[in-house]
Amino acid sequence: MNNHWIAIDWGTSNFRAFLMNHNQCIDTVNAHCGLLSVPDRQFDAALLPLIAPWLAQHPNLPLLMAG
């Protein structure tokens, strides 16, 4: 059973993602690419490169997002 998941805080000016195992953070990604800086509202194109290494290791991770 895979207990990994991703928590994302994507605000207007910054992006923060947390790779979780149960309730423990095991890795983070921080970037200055807030929602307002994403061209043409292509959020999926902006998101996927940021979390691609995690998805490569743990396919089909549940994702919880807030902003």
C-alpha atoms as a PDB file:
ATOM      1  CA  MET A   1       0.000   0.000   0.000  1.00  0.00           C
ATOM      2  CA  ASN A   2       1.331   3.442  -0.955  1.00  0.00           C
ATOM      3  CA  ASN A   3       1.115   5.924   1.904  1.00  0.00           C
ATOM      4  CA  HIS A   4       2.666   8.789  -0.040  1.00  0.00           C
ATOM      5  CA  TRP A   5       0.755  11.885  -1.077  1.00  0.00           C
ATOM      6  CA  ILE A   6       1.435  15.486  -2.090  1.00  0.00           C
ATOM      7  CA  ALA A   7       0.282  18.616  -0.289  1.00  0.00           C
ATOM      8  CA  ILE A   8       0.461  21.871  -2.261  1.00  0.00           C
ATOM      9  CA  ASP A   9       0.112  25.473  -1.148  1.00  0.00           C
ATOM     10  CA  TRP A  10      -0.081  27.474  -4.387  1.00  0.00           C
ATOM     11  CA  GLY A  11      -0.743  31.100  -3.676  1.00  0.00           C
ATOM     12  CA  THR A  12      -0.657  34.177  -5.862  1.00  0.00           C
ATOM     13  CA  SER A  13       3.099  34.694  -5.542  1.00  0.00           C
ATOM     14  CA  ASN A  14       4.681  31.401  -4.400  1.00  0.00           C
ATOM     15  CA  PHE A  15       4.417  27.653  -4.888  1.00  0.00           C
ATOM     16  CA  ARG A  16       5.169  25.192  -2.088  1.00  0.00           C
ATOM     17  CA  ALA A  17       4.795  21.433  -2.349  1.00  0.00           C
ATOM     18  CA  PHE A  18       5.389  18.749   0.246  1.00  0.00           C
ATOM     19  CA  LEU A  19       5.887  15.063  -0.420  1.00  0.00           C
ATOM     20  CA  MET A  20       4.287  13.280   2.472  1.00  0.00           C
ATOM     21  CA  ASN A  21       4.549   9.743   3.843  1.00  0.00           C
ATOM     22  CA  HIS A  22       1.603   9.286   6.155  1.00  0.00           C
ATOM     23  CA  ASN A  23       1.790  12.558   8.132  1.00  0.00           C
ATOM     24  CA  GLN A  24       5.542  13.119   7.789  1.00  0.00           C
ATOM     25  CA  CYS A  25       7.037  15.505   5.222  1.00  0.00           C
ATOM     26  CA  ILE A  26       9.899  13.765   3.415  1.00  0.00           C
ATOM     27  CA  ASP A  27      10.689  16.324   0.689  1.00  0.00           C
ATOM     28  CA  THR A  28       9.751  19.854  -0.380  1.00  0.00           C
ATOM     29  CA  VAL A  29       9.677  22.040  -3.482  1.00  0.00           C
ATOM     30  CA  ASN A  30       9.545  25.850  -3.288  1.00  0.00           C
ATOM     31  CA  ALA A  31       9.298  28.112  -6.322  1.00  0.00           C
ATOM     32  CA  HIS A  32       8.535  31.752  -7.046  1.00  0.00           C
ATOM     33  CA  CYS A  33       5.845  30.857  -9.568  1.00  0.00           C
ATOM     34  CA  GLY A  34       2.592  31.851  -7.990  1.00  0.00           C
ATOM     35  CA  LEU A  35      -0.742  31.472  -9.718  1.00  0.00           C
ATOM     36  CA  LEU A  36      -0.572  35.022 -11.071  1.00  0.00           C
ATOM     37  CA  SER A  37       2.658  34.259 -12.940  1.00  0.00           C
ATOM     38  CA  VAL A  38       1.318  31.237 -14.847  1.00  0.00           C
ATOM     39  CA  PRO A  39       0.898  32.246 -18.487  1.00  0.00           C
ATOM     40  CA  ASP A  40      -2.479  31.690 -20.149  1.00  0.00           C
ATOM     41  CA  ARG A  41      -3.814  29.847 -17.084  1.00  0.00           C
ATOM     42  CA  GLN A  42      -1.816  26.744 -18.062  1.00  0.00           C
ATOM     43  CA  PHE A  43      -1.649  25.513 -14.487  1.00  0.00           C
ATOM     44  CA  ASP A  44      -1.105  21.853 -15.373  1.00  0.00           C
ATOM     45  CA  ALA A  45       1.894  22.771 -17.548  1.00  0.00           C
ATOM     46  CA  ALA A  46       3.347  24.802 -14.668  1.00  0.00           C
ATOM     47  CA  LEU A  47       2.615  22.174 -12.008  1.00  0.00           C
ATOM     48  CA  LEU A  48       3.858  18.972 -13.612  1.00  0.00           C
ATOM     49  CA  PRO A  49       7.563  19.902 -13.948  1.00  0.00           C
ATOM     50  CA  LEU A  50       7.648  20.907 -10.296  1.00  0.00           C
ATOM     51  CA  ILE A  51       6.406  17.553  -9.008  1.00  0.00           C
ATOM     52  CA  ALA A  52       7.597  15.282 -11.857  1.00  0.00           C
ATOM     53  CA  PRO A  53      10.442  13.679  -9.853  1.00  0.00           C
ATOM     54  CA  TRP A  54       7.981  12.601  -7.166  1.00  0.00           C
ATOM     55  CA  LEU A  55       5.518  11.267  -9.712  1.00  0.00           C
ATOM     56  CA  ALA A  56       8.308   9.288 -11.370  1.00  0.00           C
ATOM     57  CA  GLN A  57       9.077   7.574  -8.066  1.00  0.00           C
ATOM     58  CA  HIS A  58       5.480   7.252  -6.871  1.00  0.00           C
ATOM     59  CA  PRO A  59       2.987   7.184  -9.780  1.00  0.00           C
ATOM     60  CA  ASN A  60      -0.645   8.148  -9.146  1.00  0.00           C
ATOM     61  CA  LEU A  61      -0.042  10.073  -5.937  1.00  0.00           C
ATOM     62  CA  PRO A  62      -3.054  11.681  -4.307  1.00  0.00           C
ATOM     63  CA  LEU A  63      -2.772  15.451  -4.366  1.00  0.00           C
ATOM     64  CA  LEU A  64      -4.271  17.962  -1.943  1.00  0.00           C
ATOM     65  CA  MET A  65      -4.092  21.601  -3.021  1.00  0.00           C
ATOM     66  CA  ALA A  66      -4.896  24.898  -1.339  1.00  0.00           C
ATOM     67  CA  GLY A  67      -3.992  28.465  -2.062  1.00  0.00           C
END
